[in-house]
Amino acid sequence: MRRGRGLLQRITEGADLPGEPLPGLPLVEVAGDRRVLVENHGGVTEYGREQIRIQVRYGQVCVCGAGLELVMMTKEQLVICGRIESVHLIRGNGQ
């Protein structure tokens, strides 16, 4: 199965197809400076009004800003609202 996924990923990248991620890979969508959607997450690892970290398959997504709030969370996706200043990926375990 893993080999098939790698092949599919190489074909997708080689064909320069637009942006739908492969199944199971995280998708981060930023809407202006007020909302961030994360799909295919592994849970929240840090939660505060100025920083929220979300576990993803290959590291963490860190959302920084002011007045941050986790307004919706399901097994598949979560939504953070507030004044978004930055969103960045931390590869590995984030330490």
PDB file of N, CA and C in Angstrom:
ATOM      1  N   MET A   1       0.822  -1.195   0.000  1.00  0.00           N
ATOM      2  CA  MET A   1       0.000   0.000   0.000  1.00  0.00           C
ATOM      3  C   MET A   1       0.862   1.253   0.000  1.00  0.00           C
ATOM      4  N   ARG A   2       1.904   1.241   0.838  1.00  0.00           N
ATOM      5  CA  ARG A   2       2.768   2.404   0.927  1.00  0.00           C
ATOM      6  C   ARG A   2       3.431   2.698  -0.419  1.00  0.00           C
ATOM      7  N   ARG A   3       3.848   1.651  -1.105  1.00  0.00           N
ATOM      8  CA  ARG A   3       4.487   1.824  -2.403  1.00  0.00           C
ATOM      9  C   ARG A   3       3.529   2.482  -3.399  1.00  0.00           C
ATOM     10  N   GLY A   4       2.274   2.067  -3.397  1.00  0.00           N
ATOM     11  CA  GLY A   4       1.260   2.653  -4.268  1.00  0.00           C
ATOM     12  C   GLY A   4       1.048   4.131  -3.988  1.00  0.00           C
ATOM     13  N   ARG A   5       1.027   4.501  -2.727  1.00  0.00           N
ATOM     14  CA  ARG A   5       0.855   5.904  -2.355  1.00  0.00           C
ATOM     15  C   ARG A   5       2.034   6.743  -2.861  1.00  0.00           C
ATOM     16  N   GLY A   6       3.248   6.212  -2.726  1.00  0.00           N
ATOM     17  CA  GLY A   6       4.426   6.921  -3.212  1.00  0.00           C
ATOM     18  C   GLY A   6       4.375   7.108  -4.716  1.00  0.00           C
ATOM     19  N   LEU A   7       3.929   6.091  -5.431  1.00  0.00           N
ATOM     20  CA  LEU A   7       3.798   6.175  -6.875  1.00  0.00           C
ATOM     21  C   LEU A   7       2.759   7.224  -7.255  1.00  0.00           C
ATOM     22  N   LEU A   8       1.609   7.202  -6.575  1.00  0.00           N
ATOM     23  CA  LEU A   8       0.567   8.184  -6.850  1.00  0.00           C
ATOM     24  C   LEU A   8       1.062   9.604  -6.590  1.00  0.00           C
ATOM     25  N   GLN A   9       1.801   9.778  -5.515  1.00  0.00           N
ATOM     26  CA  GLN A   9       2.345  11.097  -5.199  1.00  0.00           C
ATOM     27  C   GLN A   9       3.330  11.549  -6.282  1.00  0.00           C
ATOM     28  N   ARG A  10       4.206  10.671  -6.736  1.00  0.00           N
ATOM     29  CA  ARG A  10       5.174  11.040  -7.782  1.00  0.00           C
ATOM     30  C   ARG A  10       4.468  11.384  -9.084  1.00  0.00           C
ATOM     31  N   ILE A  11       3.427  10.627  -9.420  1.00  0.00           N
ATOM     32  CA  ILE A  11       2.675  10.916 -10.649  1.00  0.00           C
ATOM     33  C   ILE A  11       1.999  12.284 -10.538  1.00  0.00           C
ATOM     34  N   THR A  12       1.371  12.551  -9.383  1.00  0.00           N
ATOM     35  CA  THR A  12       0.686  13.831  -9.166  1.00  0.00           C
ATOM     36  C   THR A  12       1.675  14.991  -9.259  1.00  0.00           C
ATOM     37  N   GLU A  13       2.803  14.865  -8.595  1.00  0.00           N
ATOM     38  CA  GLU A  13       3.812  15.927  -8.627  1.00  0.00           C
ATOM     39  C   GLU A  13       4.392  16.086 -10.025  1.00  0.00           C
ATOM     40  N   GLY A  14       4.676  14.970 -10.693  1.00  0.00           N
ATOM     41  CA  GLY A  14       5.258  15.014 -12.030  1.00  0.00           C
ATOM     42  C   GLY A  14       4.316  15.624 -13.050  1.00  0.00           C
ATOM     43  N   ALA A  15       3.024  15.409 -12.882  1.00  0.00           N
ATOM     44  CA  ALA A  15       2.041  15.971 -13.816  1.00  0.00           C
ATOM     45  C   ALA A  15       1.710  17.421 -13.488  1.00  0.00           C
ATOM     46  N   ASP A  16       2.241  17.924 -12.375  1.00  0.00           N
ATOM     47  CA  ASP A  16       1.995  19.298 -11.944  1.00  0.00           C
ATOM     48  C   ASP A  16       0.495  19.576 -11.850  1.00  0.00           C
ATOM     49  N   LEU A  17      -0.231  18.626 -11.243  1.00  0.00           N
ATOM     50  CA  LEU A  17      -1.672  18.785 -11.056  1.00  0.00           C
ATOM     51  C   LEU A  17      -1.941  19.738  -9.904  1.00  0.00           C
ATOM     52  N   PRO A  18      -3.002  20.518  -9.992  1.00  0.00           N
ATOM     53  CA  PRO A  18      -3.278  21.462  -8.922  1.00  0.00           C
ATOM     54  C   PRO A  18      -3.676  20.767  -7.634  1.00  0.00           C
ATOM     55  N   GLY A  19      -3.500  21.453  -6.613  1.00  0.00           N
ATOM     56  CA  GLY A  19      -3.518  21.266  -5.237  1.00  0.00           C
ATOM     57  C   GLY A  19      -4.343  20.358  -4.401  1.00  0.00           C
ATOM     58  N   GLU A  20      -5.006  19.360  -4.836  1.00  0.00           N
ATOM     59  CA  GLU A  20      -5.691  18.498  -3.888  1.00  0.00           C
ATOM     60  C   GLU A  20      -4.672  17.549  -3.272  1.00  0.00           C
ATOM     61  N   PRO A  21      -4.608  17.509  -1.938  1.00  0.00           N
ATOM     62  CA  PRO A  21      -3.648  16.612  -1.299  1.00  0.00           C
ATOM     63  C   PRO A  21      -4.085  15.161  -1.438  1.00  0.00           C
ATOM     64  N   LEU A  22      -3.141  14.273  -1.287  1.00  0.00           N
ATOM     65  CA  LEU A  22      -3.448  12.849  -1.289  1.00  0.00           C
ATOM     66  C   LEU A  22      -4.258  12.517  -0.043  1.00  0.00           C
ATOM     67  N   PRO A  23      -5.066  11.489  -0.087  1.00  0.00           N
ATOM     68  CA  PRO A  23      -5.875  11.128   1.081  1.00  0.00           C
ATOM     69  C   PRO A  23      -5.011  10.935   2.322  1.00  0.00           C
ATOM     70  N   GLY A  24      -5.455  11.497   3.424  1.00  0.00           N
ATOM     71  CA  GLY A  24      -4.740  11.356   4.687  1.00  0.00           C
ATOM     72  C   GLY A  24      -3.704  12.424   4.949  1.00  0.00           C
ATOM     73  N   LEU A  25      -3.283  13.152   3.927  1.00  0.00           N
ATOM     74  CA  LEU A  25      -2.316  14.210   4.151  1.00  0.00           C
ATOM     75  C   LEU A  25      -3.032  15.458   4.671  1.00  0.00           C
ATOM     76  N   PRO A  26      -2.368  16.233   5.529  1.00  0.00           N
ATOM     77  CA  PRO A  26      -3.014  17.418   6.077  1.00  0.00           C
ATOM     78  C   PRO A  26      -3.234  18.498   5.020  1.00  0.00           C
ATOM     79  N   LEU A  27      -4.301  19.243   5.209  1.00  0.00           N
ATOM     80  CA  LEU A  27      -4.619  20.385   4.361  1.00  0.00           C
ATOM     81  C   LEU A  27      -4.848  21.560   5.289  1.00  0.00           C
ATOM     82  N   VAL A  28      -4.122  22.659   5.064  1.00  0.00           N
ATOM     83  CA  VAL A  28      -4.275  23.872   5.862  1.00  0.00           C
ATOM     84  C   VAL A  28      -4.781  24.961   4.941  1.00  0.00           C
ATOM     85  N   GLU A  29      -5.897  25.567   5.313  1.00  0.00           N
ATOM     86  CA  GLU A  29      -6.511  26.613   4.499  1.00  0.00           C
ATOM     87  C   GLU A  29      -6.636  27.869   5.360  1.00  0.00           C
ATOM     88  N   VAL A  30      -6.077  28.979   4.873  1.00  0.00           N
ATOM     89  CA  VAL A  30      -6.125  30.248   5.595  1.00  0.00           C
ATOM     90  C   VAL A  30      -7.107  31.163   4.881  1.00  0.00           C
ATOM     91  N   ALA A  31      -8.089  31.674   5.615  1.00  0.00           N
ATOM     92  CA  ALA A  31      -9.093  32.582   5.054  1.00  0.00           C
ATOM     93  C   ALA A  31      -8.843  33.974   5.628  1.00  0.00           C
ATOM     94  N   GLY A  32      -8.182  34.804   4.833  1.00  0.00           N
ATOM     95  CA  GLY A  32      -7.863  36.157   5.294  1.00  0.00           C
ATOM     96  C   GLY A  32      -6.952  36.105   6.502  1.00  0.00           C
ATOM     97  N   ASP A  33      -7.194  37.002   7.461  1.00  0.00           N
ATOM     98  CA  ASP A  33      -6.396  37.004   8.684  1.00  0.00           C
ATOM     99  C   ASP A  33      -7.246  36.657   9.903  1.00  0.00           C
ATOM    100  N   ARG A  34      -8.370  35.960   9.668  1.00  0.00           N
ATOM    101  CA  ARG A  34      -9.302  35.671  10.761  1.00  0.00           C
ATOM    102  C   ARG A  34      -9.652  34.207  10.959  1.00  0.00           C
ATOM    103  N   ARG A  35      -9.267  33.304  10.038  1.00  0.00           N
ATOM    104  CA  ARG A  35      -9.708  31.909  10.140  1.00  0.00           C
ATOM    105  C   ARG A  35      -8.701  30.955   9.515  1.00  0.00           C
ATOM    106  N   VAL A  36      -8.465  29.835  10.183  1.00  0.00           N
ATOM    107  CA  VAL A  36      -7.601  28.769   9.672  1.00  0.00           C
ATOM    108  C   VAL A  36      -8.347  27.446   9.815  1.00  0.00           C
ATOM    109  N   LEU A  37      -8.384  26.670   8.737  1.00  0.00           N
ATOM    110  CA  LEU A  37      -8.975  25.339   8.736  1.00  0.00           C
ATOM    111  C   LEU A  37      -7.843  24.328   8.559  1.00  0.00           C
ATOM    112  N   VAL A  38      -7.832  23.295   9.391  1.00  0.00           N
ATOM    113  CA  VAL A  38      -6.852  22.217   9.263  1.00  0.00           C
ATOM    114  C   VAL A  38      -7.626  20.913   9.133  1.00  0.00           C
ATOM    115  N   GLU A  39      -7.381  20.198   8.040  1.00  0.00           N
ATOM    116  CA  GLU A  39      -8.001  18.892   7.823  1.00  0.00           C
ATOM    117  C   GLU A  39      -6.957  17.801   8.013  1.00  0.00           C
ATOM    118  N   ASN A  40      -7.418  16.617   8.404  1.00  0.00           N
ATOM    119  CA  ASN A  40      -6.550  15.450   8.610  1.00  0.00           C
ATOM    120  C   ASN A  40      -5.504  15.710   9.689  1.00  0.00           C
ATOM    121  N   HIS A  41      -5.948  16.236  10.812  1.00  0.00           N
ATOM    122  CA  HIS A  41      -5.054  16.549  11.926  1.00  0.00           C
ATOM    123  C   HIS A  41      -4.972  15.376  12.896  1.00  0.00           C
ATOM    124  N   GLY A  42      -4.031  15.469  13.823  1.00  0.00           N
ATOM    125  CA  GLY A  42      -3.853  14.440  14.843  1.00  0.00           C
ATOM    126  C   GLY A  42      -4.098  14.965  16.243  1.00  0.00           C
ATOM    127  N   GLY A  43      -4.787  16.104  16.365  1.00  0.00           N
ATOM    128  CA  GLY A  43      -5.096  16.661  17.684  1.00  0.00           C
ATOM    129  C   GLY A  43      -4.335  17.937  17.970  1.00  0.00           C
ATOM    130  N   VAL A  44      -4.742  18.605  19.032  1.00  0.00           N
ATOM    131  CA  VAL A  44      -4.125  19.861  19.462  1.00  0.00           C
ATOM    132  C   VAL A  44      -3.064  19.523  20.503  1.00  0.00           C
ATOM    133  N   THR A  45      -1.854  20.037  20.312  1.00  0.00           N
ATOM    134  CA  THR A  45      -0.766  19.771  21.254  1.00  0.00           C
ATOM    135  C   THR A  45      -0.473  20.968  22.153  1.00  0.00           C
ATOM    136  N   GLU A  46      -0.909  22.155  21.752  1.00  0.00           N
ATOM    137  CA  GLU A  46      -0.743  23.354  22.582  1.00  0.00           C
ATOM    138  C   GLU A  46      -1.903  24.291  22.280  1.00  0.00           C
ATOM    139  N   TYR A  47      -2.462  24.867  23.343  1.00  0.00           N
ATOM    140  CA  TYR A  47      -3.619  25.738  23.145  1.00  0.00           C
ATOM    141  C   TYR A  47      -3.480  26.978  24.015  1.00  0.00           C
ATOM    142  N   GLY A  48      -3.491  28.137  23.367  1.00  0.00           N
ATOM    143  CA  GLY A  48      -3.453  29.412  24.080  1.00  0.00           C
ATOM    144  C   GLY A  48      -4.061  30.497  23.216  1.00  0.00           C
ATOM    145  N   ARG A  49      -4.282  31.653  23.785  1.00  0.00           N
ATOM    146  CA  ARG A  49      -4.889  32.762  23.054  1.00  0.00           C
ATOM    147  C   ARG A  49      -3.952  33.352  22.003  1.00  0.00           C
ATOM    148  N   GLU A  50      -2.643  33.082  22.136  1.00  0.00           N
ATOM    149  CA  GLU A  50      -1.670  33.626  21.178  1.00  0.00           C
ATOM    150  C   GLU A  50      -1.012  32.570  20.304  1.00  0.00           C
ATOM    151  N   GLN A  51      -1.161  31.299  20.658  1.00  0.00           N
ATOM    152  CA  GLN A  51      -0.548  30.237  19.860  1.00  0.00           C
ATOM    153  C   GLN A  51      -1.317  28.935  20.034  1.00  0.00           C
ATOM    154  N   ILE A  52      -1.584  28.265  18.907  1.00  0.00           N
ATOM    155  CA  ILE A  52      -2.206  26.945  18.920  1.00  0.00           C
ATOM    156  C   ILE A  52      -1.379  26.046  18.005  1.00  0.00           C
ATOM    157  N   ARG A  53      -0.992  24.876  18.523  1.00  0.00           N
ATOM    158  CA  ARG A  53      -0.234  23.901  17.732  1.00  0.00           C
ATOM    159  C   ARG A  53      -1.103  22.681  17.485  1.00  0.00           C
ATOM    160  N   ILE A  54      -1.057  22.211  16.238  1.00  0.00           N
ATOM    161  CA  ILE A  54      -1.855  21.074  15.825  1.00  0.00           C
ATOM    162  C   ILE A  54      -0.927  19.998  15.281  1.00  0.00           C
ATOM    163  N   GLN A  55      -1.085  18.784  15.747  1.00  0.00           N
ATOM    164  CA  GLN A  55      -0.290  17.660  15.257  1.00  0.00           C
ATOM    165  C   GLN A  55      -0.783  17.264  13.869  1.00  0.00           C
ATOM    166  N   VAL A  56       0.145  17.091  12.942  1.00  0.00           N
ATOM    167  CA  VAL A  56      -0.163  16.562  11.617  1.00  0.00           C
ATOM    168  C   VAL A  56       0.789  15.403  11.352  1.00  0.00           C
ATOM    169  N   ARG A  57       0.607  14.741  10.250  1.00  0.00           N
ATOM    170  CA  ARG A  57       1.340  13.502   9.945  1.00  0.00           C
ATOM    171  C   ARG A  57       2.860  13.648  10.051  1.00  0.00           C
ATOM    172  N   TYR A  58       3.427  14.735   9.622  1.00  0.00           N
ATOM    173  CA  TYR A  58       4.890  14.870   9.565  1.00  0.00           C
ATOM    174  C   TYR A  58       5.417  15.997  10.432  1.00  0.00           C
ATOM    175  N   GLY A  59       4.650  16.414  11.437  1.00  0.00           N
ATOM    176  CA  GLY A  59       5.104  17.468  12.337  1.00  0.00           C
ATOM    177  C   GLY A  59       3.937  18.177  12.989  1.00  0.00           C
ATOM    178  N   GLN A  60       4.060  19.502  13.077  1.00  0.00           N
ATOM    179  CA  GLN A  60       3.016  20.311  13.682  1.00  0.00           C
ATOM    180  C   GLN A  60       2.756  21.551  12.842  1.00  0.00           C
ATOM    181  N   VAL A  61       1.510  22.021  12.879  1.00  0.00           N
ATOM    182  CA  VAL A  61       1.152  23.311  12.305  1.00  0.00           C
ATOM    183  C   VAL A  61       0.986  24.246  13.485  1.00  0.00           C
ATOM    184  N   CYS A  62       1.680  25.368  13.447  1.00  0.00           N
ATOM    185  CA  CYS A  62       1.626  26.339  14.523  1.00  0.00           C
ATOM    186  C   CYS A  62       0.915  27.595  14.011  1.00  0.00           C
ATOM    187  N   VAL A  63      -0.173  27.966  14.670  1.00  0.00           N
ATOM    188  CA  VAL A  63      -0.933  29.167  14.327  1.00  0.00           C
ATOM    189  C   VAL A  63      -0.668  30.178  15.426  1.00  0.00           C
ATOM    190  N   CYS A  64      -0.162  31.360  15.047  1.00  0.00           N
ATOM    191  CA  CYS A  64       0.141  32.413  16.009  1.00  0.00           C
ATOM    192  C   CYS A  64      -0.714  33.635  15.713  1.00  0.00           C
ATOM    193  N   GLY A  65      -1.055  34.382  16.756  1.00  0.00           N
ATOM    194  CA  GLY A  65      -1.863  35.578  16.573  1.00  0.00           C
ATOM    195  C   GLY A  65      -2.344  36.111  17.900  1.00  0.00           C
ATOM    196  N   ALA A  66      -3.541  36.680  17.904  1.00  0.00           N
ATOM    197  CA  ALA A  66      -4.130  37.255  19.112  1.00  0.00           C
ATOM    198  C   ALA A  66      -5.597  36.849  19.180  1.00  0.00           C
ATOM    199  N   GLY A  67      -6.061  36.580  20.376  1.00  0.00           N
ATOM    200  CA  GLY A  67      -7.454  36.196  20.558  1.00  0.00           C
ATOM    201  C   GLY A  67      -7.828  34.919  19.848  1.00  0.00           C
ATOM    202  N   LEU A  68      -6.873  33.989  19.729  1.00  0.00           N
ATOM    203  CA  LEU A  68      -7.139  32.742  19.018  1.00  0.00           C
ATOM    204  C   LEU A  68      -8.103  31.867  19.805  1.00  0.00           C
ATOM    205  N   GLU A  69      -8.963  31.187  19.068  1.00  0.00           N
ATOM    206  CA  GLU A  69      -9.957  30.322  19.681  1.00  0.00           C
ATOM    207  C   GLU A  69     -10.242  29.147  18.753  1.00  0.00           C
ATOM    208  N   LEU A  70     -10.284  27.971  19.321  1.00  0.00           N
ATOM    209  CA  LEU A  70     -10.663  26.774  18.576  1.00  0.00           C
ATOM    210  C   LEU A  70     -12.186  26.735  18.570  1.00  0.00           C
ATOM    211  N   VAL A  71     -12.790  27.064  17.422  1.00  0.00           N
ATOM    212  CA  VAL A  71     -14.246  27.202  17.376  1.00  0.00           C
ATOM    213  C   VAL A  71     -14.962  25.929  16.932  1.00  0.00           C
ATOM    214  N   MET A  72     -14.238  24.998  16.303  1.00  0.00           N
ATOM    215  CA  MET A  72     -14.849  23.753  15.863  1.00  0.00           C
ATOM    216  C   MET A  72     -13.760  22.702  15.720  1.00  0.00           C
ATOM    217  N   MET A  73     -14.066  21.489  16.212  1.00  0.00           N
ATOM    218  CA  MET A  73     -13.096  20.410  16.068  1.00  0.00           C
ATOM    219  C   MET A  73     -13.842  19.090  15.947  1.00  0.00           C
ATOM    220  N   THR A  74     -13.541  18.370  14.869  1.00  0.00           N
ATOM    221  CA  THR A  74     -14.024  17.011  14.691  1.00  0.00           C
ATOM    222  C   THR A  74     -12.802  16.119  14.499  1.00  0.00           C
ATOM    223  N   LYS A  75     -13.031  14.858  14.307  1.00  0.00           N
ATOM    224  CA  LYS A  75     -11.922  13.924  14.076  1.00  0.00           C
ATOM    225  C   LYS A  75     -11.150  14.289  12.810  1.00  0.00           C
ATOM    226  N   GLU A  76     -11.832  14.829  11.799  1.00  0.00           N
ATOM    227  CA  GLU A  76     -11.201  15.126  10.512  1.00  0.00           C
ATOM    228  C   GLU A  76     -10.685  16.555  10.381  1.00  0.00           C
ATOM    229  N   GLN A  77     -11.357  17.529  11.011  1.00  0.00           N
ATOM    230  CA  GLN A  77     -10.950  18.925  10.792  1.00  0.00           C
ATOM    231  C   GLN A  77     -11.162  19.778  12.028  1.00  0.00           C
ATOM    232  N   LEU A  78     -10.449  20.906  12.028  1.00  0.00           N
ATOM    233  CA  LEU A  78     -10.639  21.890  13.079  1.00  0.00           C
ATOM    234  C   LEU A  78     -10.547  23.287  12.493  1.00  0.00           C
ATOM    235  N   VAL A  79     -11.180  24.239  13.181  1.00  0.00           N
ATOM    236  CA  VAL A  79     -11.199  25.627  12.735  1.00  0.00           C
ATOM    237  C   VAL A  79     -10.747  26.518  13.888  1.00  0.00           C
ATOM    238  N   ILE A  80      -9.798  27.393  13.584  1.00  0.00           N
ATOM    239  CA  ILE A  80      -9.285  28.367  14.540  1.00  0.00           C
ATOM    240  C   ILE A  80      -9.665  29.750  14.040  1.00  0.00           C
ATOM    241  N   CYS A  81     -10.212  30.568  14.928  1.00  0.00           N
ATOM    242  CA  CYS A  81     -10.547  31.954  14.588  1.00  0.00           C
ATOM    243  C   CYS A  81      -9.826  32.897  15.543  1.00  0.00           C
ATOM    244  N   GLY A  82      -9.674  34.120  15.102  1.00  0.00           N
ATOM    245  CA  GLY A  82      -8.983  35.158  15.869  1.00  0.00           C
ATOM    246  C   GLY A  82      -8.225  36.023  14.886  1.00  0.00           C
ATOM    247  N   ARG A  83      -7.278  36.796  15.387  1.00  0.00           N
ATOM    248  CA  ARG A  83      -6.432  37.597  14.496  1.00  0.00           C
ATOM    249  C   ARG A  83      -5.178  36.773  14.183  1.00  0.00           C
ATOM    250  N   ILE A  84      -5.122  36.230  12.978  1.00  0.00           N
ATOM    251  CA  ILE A  84      -4.028  35.346  12.569  1.00  0.00           C
ATOM    252  C   ILE A  84      -2.838  36.187  12.113  1.00  0.00           C
ATOM    253  N   GLU A  85      -1.690  35.951  12.731  1.00  0.00           N
ATOM    254  CA  GLU A  85      -0.464  36.649  12.334  1.00  0.00           C
ATOM    255  C   GLU A  85       0.458  35.754  11.518  1.00  0.00           C
ATOM    256  N   SER A  86       0.487  34.460  11.845  1.00  0.00           N
ATOM    257  CA  SER A  86       1.328  33.541  11.069  1.00  0.00           C
ATOM    258  C   SER A  86       0.828  32.111  11.226  1.00  0.00           C
ATOM    259  N   VAL A  87       1.116  31.327  10.195  1.00  0.00           N
ATOM    260  CA  VAL A  87       0.838  29.894  10.205  1.00  0.00           C
ATOM    261  C   VAL A  87       2.087  29.244   9.644  1.00  0.00           C
ATOM    262  N   HIS A  88       2.701  28.349  10.408  1.00  0.00           N
ATOM    263  CA  HIS A  88       3.896  27.707   9.877  1.00  0.00           C
ATOM    264  C   HIS A  88       3.958  26.238  10.265  1.00  0.00           C
ATOM    265  N   LEU A  89       4.717  25.514   9.460  1.00  0.00           N
ATOM    266  CA  LEU A  89       4.906  24.076   9.638  1.00  0.00           C
ATOM    267  C   LEU A  89       6.206  23.832  10.383  1.00  0.00           C
ATOM    268  N   ILE A  90       6.126  22.980  11.393  1.00  0.00           N
ATOM    269  CA  ILE A  90       7.313  22.554  12.139  1.00  0.00           C
ATOM    270  C   ILE A  90       7.464  21.072  11.856  1.00  0.00           C
ATOM    271  N   ARG A  91       8.472  20.709  11.095  1.00  0.00           N
ATOM    272  CA  ARG A  91       8.685  19.296  10.747  1.00  0.00           C
ATOM    273  C   ARG A  91       9.216  18.534  11.942  1.00  0.00           C
ATOM    274  N   GLY A  92       8.920  17.261  11.999  1.00  0.00           N
ATOM    275  CA  GLY A  92       9.376  16.424  13.108  1.00  0.00           C
ATOM    276  C   GLY A  92       8.499  16.599  14.315  1.00  0.00           C
ATOM    277  N   ASN A  93       9.098  16.448  15.509  1.00  0.00           N
ATOM    278  CA  ASN A  93       8.298  16.512  16.726  1.00  0.00           C
ATOM    279  C   ASN A  93       8.126  17.922  17.275  1.00  0.00           C
ATOM    280  N   GLY A  94       8.737  18.925  16.657  1.00  0.00           N
ATOM    281  CA  GLY A  94       8.507  20.314  17.040  1.00  0.00           C
ATOM    282  C   GLY A  94       9.300  20.804  18.220  1.00  0.00           C
ATOM    283  N   GLN A  95      10.320  20.051  18.646  1.00  0.00           N
ATOM    284  CA  GLN A  95      11.101  20.492  19.805  1.00  0.00           C
ATOM    285  C   GLN A  95      12.482  20.895  19.406  1.00  0.00           C
TER     286      GLN A  95
END
